[in-house]
Structures are given as structure tokens and as C-alpha cells.
Protein backbone atom coordinates (compact mmCIF):
# COMPACT_ATOMS: atom_id res chain seq x y z
CA MET A 1 46.92 -27.59 164.07
CA GLU A 2 45.88 -31.24 164.12
CA ARG A 3 48.57 -33.87 163.70
CA VAL A 4 48.87 -35.50 160.27
CA SER A 5 50.65 -38.86 160.28
CA ILE A 6 52.23 -41.01 157.59
CA THR A 7 51.02 -44.41 158.75
CA GLY A 8 52.01 -46.49 155.74
CA VAL A 9 54.70 -46.35 153.05
CA GLY A 10 54.85 -48.71 150.09
CA SER A 11 56.55 -49.06 146.73
CA TYR A 12 56.55 -51.12 143.57
CA LEU A 13 59.41 -51.72 141.16
CA PRO A 14 58.99 -53.49 137.81
CA LYS A 15 59.77 -57.18 137.62
CA LYS A 16 62.37 -56.48 134.95
CA SER A 17 65.55 -54.66 135.99
CA LEU A 18 68.17 -53.75 133.40
CA ASP A 19 71.78 -53.16 134.32
CA ASN A 20 74.18 -51.26 132.09
CA THR A 21 75.07 -54.42 130.17
CA THR A 22 71.48 -55.41 129.35
CA LEU A 23 70.12 -52.01 128.29
CA PRO A 24 69.13 -51.67 124.61
CA PRO A 25 72.16 -50.57 122.53
CA LEU A 26 72.94 -46.85 122.53
CA ASP A 27 73.35 -44.90 119.30
CA LYS A 28 76.71 -43.56 120.49
CA PRO A 29 79.38 -45.46 122.43
CA VAL A 30 79.55 -44.63 126.14
CA SER A 31 82.65 -45.56 128.08
CA ASP A 32 82.52 -47.40 131.39
CA GLU A 33 83.91 -44.25 132.98
CA ASP A 34 81.02 -42.17 131.62
CA LYS A 35 78.51 -44.78 132.76
CA ALA A 36 80.00 -44.65 136.24
CA ARG A 37 79.73 -40.86 136.18
CA VAL A 38 75.99 -41.12 135.37
CA GLY A 39 75.68 -43.02 138.65
CA VAL A 40 72.95 -45.52 137.71
CA PHE A 41 73.89 -49.18 137.44
CA ALA A 42 70.40 -50.73 137.27
CA ARG A 43 66.86 -49.51 136.73
CA GLY A 44 63.33 -50.90 136.62
CA TRP A 45 61.83 -51.34 133.15
CA ALA A 46 58.03 -51.54 133.07
CA GLU A 47 56.52 -53.98 130.59
CA GLY A 48 53.15 -55.44 129.66
CA GLU A 49 50.64 -55.10 132.50
CA GLU A 50 52.91 -52.71 134.40
CA THR A 51 50.97 -49.59 133.47
CA ILE A 52 50.71 -46.43 135.57
CA PRO A 53 47.45 -47.57 137.25
CA PHE A 54 48.82 -51.08 137.85
CA MET A 55 52.06 -49.91 139.48
CA ALA A 56 50.25 -47.22 141.49
CA ALA A 57 47.76 -49.76 142.82
CA GLU A 58 50.52 -52.21 143.75
CA ALA A 59 52.45 -49.57 145.72
CA ALA A 60 49.21 -48.35 147.32
CA ARG A 61 48.22 -51.85 148.48
CA ARG A 62 51.57 -52.25 150.22
CA ALA A 63 51.23 -48.87 151.94
CA LEU A 64 47.64 -49.64 153.00
CA GLU A 65 48.73 -53.00 154.43
CA LYS A 66 51.47 -51.36 156.51
CA ALA A 67 49.00 -48.72 157.71
CA ASN A 68 46.37 -51.38 158.51
CA VAL A 69 43.86 -49.26 156.61
CA ALA A 70 41.23 -50.68 154.25
CA ALA A 71 40.98 -49.07 150.81
CA GLU A 72 37.25 -48.51 151.32
CA ASP A 73 38.04 -46.33 154.35
CA LEU A 74 40.03 -43.80 152.29
CA ASP A 75 38.48 -40.36 151.84
CA MET A 76 40.92 -38.99 149.25
CA LEU A 77 43.32 -40.33 146.62
CA VAL A 78 45.94 -38.28 144.78
CA LEU A 79 47.96 -39.74 141.91
CA SER A 80 51.17 -38.03 140.80
CA ASN A 81 52.17 -38.87 137.24
CA TRP A 82 53.42 -36.97 134.21
CA THR A 83 55.15 -39.64 132.14
CA GLN A 84 51.90 -41.15 130.83
CA ARG A 85 49.46 -38.24 130.98
CA ARG A 86 46.26 -38.53 129.01
CA TYR A 87 43.57 -36.03 128.09
CA LEU A 88 40.49 -37.97 129.20
CA PRO A 89 40.00 -39.66 131.58
CA ASP A 90 42.79 -39.26 134.12
CA PHE A 91 44.33 -42.32 135.74
CA ALA A 92 43.37 -41.61 139.38
CA PRO A 93 39.81 -42.98 138.96
CA LYS A 94 41.28 -46.18 137.54
CA VAL A 95 43.58 -46.54 140.56
CA GLN A 96 40.59 -45.92 142.83
CA ALA A 97 38.68 -48.70 141.07
CA LEU A 98 41.59 -51.15 141.21
CA LEU A 99 41.89 -50.61 144.97
CA GLY A 100 38.16 -50.59 145.69
CA ALA A 101 38.54 -47.15 147.32
CA HIS A 102 35.06 -46.14 146.21
CA ARG A 103 34.49 -43.56 148.97
CA ALA A 104 37.59 -41.57 148.05
CA PHE A 105 37.47 -38.62 145.70
CA ALA A 106 40.41 -39.10 143.36
CA TYR A 107 42.37 -36.88 141.02
CA ASP A 108 45.73 -36.56 139.24
CA VAL A 109 48.47 -34.00 139.74
CA GLY A 110 51.35 -33.21 137.41
CA CYS A 111 54.09 -30.88 138.72
CA ALA A 112 56.78 -33.10 137.14
CA CYS A 113 59.23 -34.56 139.69
CA ALA A 114 57.70 -32.47 142.51
CA GLY A 115 54.22 -33.95 142.10
CA PHE A 116 54.32 -36.35 145.04
CA VAL A 117 55.26 -33.69 147.59
CA TYR A 118 52.65 -31.35 146.09
CA GLY A 119 50.12 -34.13 146.60
CA VAL A 120 51.12 -34.53 150.24
CA GLY A 121 50.71 -30.77 150.69
CA MET A 122 47.21 -30.89 149.17
CA VAL A 123 46.17 -33.73 151.48
CA HIS A 124 47.49 -31.82 154.50
CA GLY A 125 45.30 -28.85 153.57
CA PHE A 126 42.16 -30.97 153.27
CA MET A 127 42.94 -32.60 156.61
CA GLN A 128 43.40 -29.31 158.40
CA ALA A 129 40.07 -28.19 156.95
CA GLN A 130 38.52 -31.27 158.63
CA ARG A 131 37.30 -32.60 155.28
CA VAL A 132 39.46 -35.73 155.12
CA ARG A 133 40.60 -38.26 157.75
CA ARG A 134 42.42 -40.87 155.66
CA ALA A 135 44.13 -40.30 152.33
CA LEU A 136 46.46 -41.95 149.88
CA VAL A 137 49.12 -40.15 147.86
CA VAL A 138 50.78 -42.30 145.21
CA ALA A 139 53.27 -41.54 142.46
CA ALA A 140 53.80 -43.81 139.48
CA GLU A 141 56.14 -43.04 136.59
CA THR A 142 57.54 -44.70 133.48
CA THR A 143 60.40 -42.31 132.85
CA SER A 144 62.13 -44.94 130.69
CA GLN A 145 59.62 -44.04 127.99
CA ARG A 146 60.40 -40.34 128.11
CA GLY A 147 64.06 -40.56 127.09
CA ARG A 148 64.91 -40.69 123.40
CA PRO A 149 65.46 -44.37 122.54
CA ALA A 150 69.14 -45.34 122.28
CA SER A 151 70.25 -42.00 123.77
CA LYS A 152 72.42 -41.56 126.85
CA SER A 153 69.30 -40.52 128.81
CA THR A 154 68.23 -44.18 128.91
CA LEU A 155 71.09 -44.72 131.37
CA VAL A 156 69.43 -42.37 133.88
CA PHE A 157 65.72 -43.16 133.78
CA GLY A 158 63.86 -45.91 135.62
CA ASP A 159 60.25 -46.88 136.33
CA GLY A 160 58.35 -47.47 139.54
CA ALA A 161 55.76 -46.30 142.06
CA GLY A 162 55.64 -45.23 145.69
CA ALA A 163 52.82 -44.38 148.09
CA PHE A 164 51.96 -42.82 151.46
CA VAL A 165 48.88 -43.41 153.58
CA LEU A 166 48.20 -40.29 155.64
CA GLU A 167 45.81 -40.04 158.59
CA ARG A 168 44.50 -37.09 160.59
CA GLY A 169 44.45 -37.38 164.36
CA SER A 170 46.35 -40.66 164.52
CA ASP A 171 49.09 -41.25 167.09
CA ARG A 172 50.72 -43.89 164.85
CA GLY A 173 53.45 -43.59 162.25
CA ALA A 174 55.62 -40.67 161.23
CA THR A 175 54.56 -37.10 161.94
CA LEU A 176 54.34 -34.77 158.96
CA VAL A 177 55.98 -31.72 160.52
CA ASP A 178 55.71 -29.26 157.63
CA PHE A 179 56.15 -28.76 153.90
CA GLU A 180 57.03 -26.00 151.46
CA LEU A 181 55.84 -25.54 147.87
CA ALA A 182 57.02 -23.02 145.28
CA THR A 183 56.79 -22.32 141.56
CA ASP A 184 58.95 -20.07 139.37
CA GLY A 185 57.53 -19.76 135.87
CA ARG A 186 60.51 -17.70 134.72
CA HIS A 187 62.15 -21.06 134.05
CA PHE A 188 59.10 -22.48 132.27
CA GLU A 189 61.06 -23.41 129.13
CA ALA A 190 64.08 -24.99 130.83
CA MET A 191 62.83 -28.52 130.03
CA GLU A 192 59.94 -29.93 128.08
CA ILE A 193 58.58 -32.97 126.29
CA ASN A 194 58.94 -32.63 122.51
CA ASP A 195 56.42 -33.78 119.89
CA ALA A 196 58.07 -37.21 119.85
CA GLY A 197 57.37 -37.60 123.58
CA HIS A 198 60.96 -37.28 124.78
CA VAL A 199 62.57 -35.04 127.39
CA VAL A 200 64.42 -32.07 125.89
CA THR A 201 66.55 -29.69 127.96
CA HIS A 202 66.96 -26.11 126.73
CA ILE A 203 69.61 -25.05 129.24
CA ASP A 204 73.06 -26.54 129.67
CA GLN A 205 73.90 -29.06 132.37
CA LYS A 206 75.66 -26.50 134.56
CA GLN A 207 72.62 -24.20 134.54
CA LEU A 208 70.28 -27.12 135.25
CA ILE A 209 72.31 -28.25 138.25
CA HIS A 210 72.46 -24.68 139.58
CA LEU A 211 68.70 -24.24 139.22
CA ALA A 212 67.96 -27.55 140.92
CA THR A 213 70.34 -27.08 143.83
CA LYS A 214 69.20 -23.48 144.43
CA SER A 215 65.64 -24.80 144.63
CA PHE A 216 66.74 -27.49 147.09
CA ALA A 217 68.50 -24.89 149.23
CA ASP A 218 65.60 -22.42 149.16
CA MET A 219 63.02 -25.06 150.11
CA THR A 220 65.26 -26.45 152.84
CA LYS A 221 65.84 -23.04 154.41
CA ALA A 222 62.15 -22.11 154.24
CA VAL A 223 60.81 -25.23 155.90
CA LEU A 224 63.53 -25.39 158.56
CA ASP A 225 63.45 -21.68 159.43
CA ARG A 226 59.68 -21.76 159.88
CA ASN A 227 60.08 -24.53 162.45
CA GLY A 228 63.06 -23.06 164.28
CA LEU A 229 65.33 -25.84 163.05
CA SER A 230 68.64 -26.17 161.23
CA LEU A 231 70.24 -28.89 159.14
CA LYS A 232 72.02 -30.05 162.30
CA ASP A 233 68.62 -31.16 163.61
CA VAL A 234 67.96 -33.26 160.50
CA ARG A 235 69.09 -36.89 160.73
CA TRP A 236 68.50 -37.84 157.10
CA ILE A 237 67.99 -36.10 153.78
CA VAL A 238 66.01 -38.23 151.30
CA PRO A 239 65.90 -36.12 148.13
CA HIS A 240 64.70 -36.60 144.61
CA SER A 241 68.04 -37.42 142.99
CA GLY A 242 67.51 -36.40 139.38
CA THR A 243 71.12 -37.03 138.35
CA ALA A 244 74.41 -37.86 140.02
CA GLY A 245 75.58 -34.31 139.22
CA VAL A 246 72.61 -32.79 141.04
CA GLN A 247 73.20 -35.04 144.04
CA ALA A 248 76.88 -34.07 144.27
CA ALA A 249 76.00 -30.38 143.98
CA LEU A 250 73.31 -30.80 146.65
CA LEU A 251 75.90 -32.03 149.15
CA LYS A 252 78.10 -29.04 148.40
CA THR A 253 75.31 -26.48 148.44
CA LEU A 254 73.81 -27.67 151.73
CA ASP A 255 77.26 -28.40 153.16
CA VAL A 256 76.27 -31.84 154.44
CA PRO A 257 78.29 -35.08 154.47
CA ALA A 258 77.42 -37.79 151.95
CA ASP A 259 76.44 -40.22 154.72
CA LYS A 260 73.58 -37.90 155.73
CA VAL A 261 71.86 -38.39 152.35
CA LEU A 262 69.86 -41.54 151.62
CA THR A 263 69.14 -42.47 148.02
CA ASN A 264 68.77 -45.65 145.99
CA PHE A 265 69.29 -43.74 142.73
CA ALA A 266 72.11 -46.09 141.71
CA THR A 267 69.86 -49.17 141.69
CA VAL A 268 66.51 -47.74 140.50
CA GLY A 269 67.47 -44.71 138.41
CA ASN A 270 65.58 -41.43 138.16
CA THR A 271 61.96 -42.41 138.92
CA SER A 272 60.84 -38.77 138.96
CA SER A 273 57.96 -38.01 141.35
CA ALA A 274 58.04 -41.60 142.67
CA ALA A 275 61.68 -41.30 143.80
CA ILE A 276 61.08 -40.05 147.35
CA PRO A 277 58.47 -42.63 148.47
CA ILE A 278 60.40 -45.44 146.75
CA ALA A 279 63.58 -44.48 148.61
CA LEU A 280 61.77 -44.01 151.91
CA ASP A 281 60.16 -47.42 151.68
CA HIS A 282 63.55 -48.96 150.93
CA PHE A 283 65.35 -47.38 153.87
CA LEU A 284 62.48 -47.92 156.30
CA ARG A 285 62.43 -51.63 155.44
CA GLN A 286 66.21 -51.75 155.87
CA GLY A 287 65.87 -50.20 159.31
CA THR A 288 68.17 -47.31 158.41
CA ILE A 289 65.53 -44.71 159.32
CA LYS A 290 64.62 -45.18 162.98
CA PRO A 291 61.81 -43.83 165.18
CA GLY A 292 62.49 -40.23 166.16
CA ASP A 293 64.69 -39.46 163.15
CA LEU A 294 63.91 -36.11 161.53
CA VAL A 295 63.85 -36.53 157.75
CA LEU A 296 63.92 -33.86 155.04
CA SER A 297 62.87 -34.56 151.44
CA PRO A 298 63.49 -31.75 148.92
CA THR A 299 62.58 -32.01 145.24
CA THR A 300 62.33 -29.96 142.07
CA GLY A 301 60.54 -30.37 138.76
CA SER A 302 60.37 -28.79 135.35
CA GLY A 303 58.00 -25.84 135.29
CA TRP A 304 59.82 -24.72 137.52
CA TYR A 305 58.47 -26.47 140.62
CA ALA A 306 60.20 -26.82 143.97
CA ALA A 307 59.06 -28.48 147.19
CA ALA A 308 60.22 -30.02 150.44
CA MET A 309 58.60 -31.98 153.24
CA LEU A 310 59.81 -32.49 156.77
CA TYR A 311 58.69 -35.44 158.90
CA ARG A 312 59.70 -37.30 162.04
CA ALA A 313 59.80 -41.09 161.79
CA GLY A 314 57.48 -42.96 164.13
């Protein structure tokens, strides 16, 4: 199997960031203790020109710059987004146009919070089929618009975008070791968007956390077992942290120490499918993730989707 490399990572966060004191007023009082329990103290709030295509293109440009790849040299572009879906046309062609990536075939994926990792998996398949040499996977979400206004959910959600440039046959960057994708439609009605456009959960919080952490554990075991590895071989876990409760349960379920998990959930909120590339860009720029580190990124999404990718930093 030919090597697939992640040669560029980039992200974009809205210019406006709201902390818990500057959020729009909630319809019910929330104590400081409850706010602390939510685990988010600031989040990006997209406004004006900061549309899905705009944020996706900004994150993509930063990833392309780090990869030293020109947009016109891309063969494929995948956009993950569910928070601003539209019937016709999709947003991926708009992102392609904004970047000038006119050679790339472009399309959208949904898959809720798992969409980015699904996109990476799709690119890997095209690369192994020798159809694509350079590709961009970008996720852009405005989850702030999917919570009911003035509800407690506005404390959790944040907006932003993150992107990977992937190349086949390159000896640069991180190596995409493997990935795992799964779907369980028996939980199709666990969460949905109602007619008003807001997230509605049809199972209680305990059930939701159990479902999410079981998915994390199943994906982790599958991708590690297939490669003859264990969690002891993994230096960092960079998950999609949907809520603070899910993150705490993840530590317990996987039996890993808190300092093995990297997340910027507290400062950006739940950015859905963009969470993993946003966090990776943050910790790569900080120098926390170092060459040779084995990194695992599990995620789940309403549907019920589950996924994980495993990569070694370059």
C-alpha cells in the first residue's frame, strides 16, 4: 500500500469570540458551577462574511501554505459540513472556486461530527486506487446556529474550520497509518435537527454518553488491533470532544490519563466535524505534538456514525 501523508494542517476561527459573560442572555439562569461543568469558557461566533465557504477556504489556504502545495495542483476536494446544508448547489464547488482549485473534483459529505474523518477515509481510497495524488479535506461548521437561541446548548457550541492537505507518495509530513469507519442505523433517531433548525436529543444524557464512548472504544480497538498496536503505543489522543461529560467518560472507558488527551474544547467549544483538525493545528503550532508521535483521533456523529484515524507525526 502506498504511503499517504498529511503534509499540511490549517484552521480558521471566527474573529469574534464570546466568553460566558458576553454570550446572549439565556432563557433560564445557569449558575457559574453549571457553566464550569459544561467545560466551555469561550467559543468562536461566525458573523457576516464568515460563511461555510469563507471559513473553509481560509482554513484550506493555511493548510496549503504549510504543505507548500498550490490550490491548482489539487486533484480532489472534500468539504465536511452539516450545520449549513443546502439542497442545491452544495458548498464544495464554491470552496473550489474561492481557492482556484479548478482541477479538483469537489463534493460535500455530511456524517455529522464524523464527517471530516470520513472524508479522510474517502481520499485514502482514491489515492490507493491511483486516481488522486493531492487532495484537500476541510470541515467548516457553524454549530452556534444549530442550538436553540437562549438555551443552555449555546454554552457548548462554537464555529470554525479545519483542513488537511493529503499527498500520495510523499516522504513529507505525517503518515496516515490507518482509519476505521462504522455506521449503526439502530440509533438513527438518537439526535436530529427539528423543523426550527435546532439540535434535539431523543435519548437522555447518560445514554448519549454511553453511546458515544462505546463508539470511541470500538473504533479505537479496531484500528489499533489491525495494526498490532495498543493504547500504550499511542502518544496522544486528539478526539472530537462533543461535551465535557463525553470527554470524562472517554478517559474512563479507555483507561487513559487526562494528560494523554489533547483538546481545545474549553476555548473553542464543540465545533463538530471541524474539531479534530482545529485541535491538531493548535497543538502542532504549539509544538506539543512532535515528529514520531503516534496520534489517535476518534469521533462519533448522529446517525449513528463512528470513526477513528491513526497517524504518525512527521
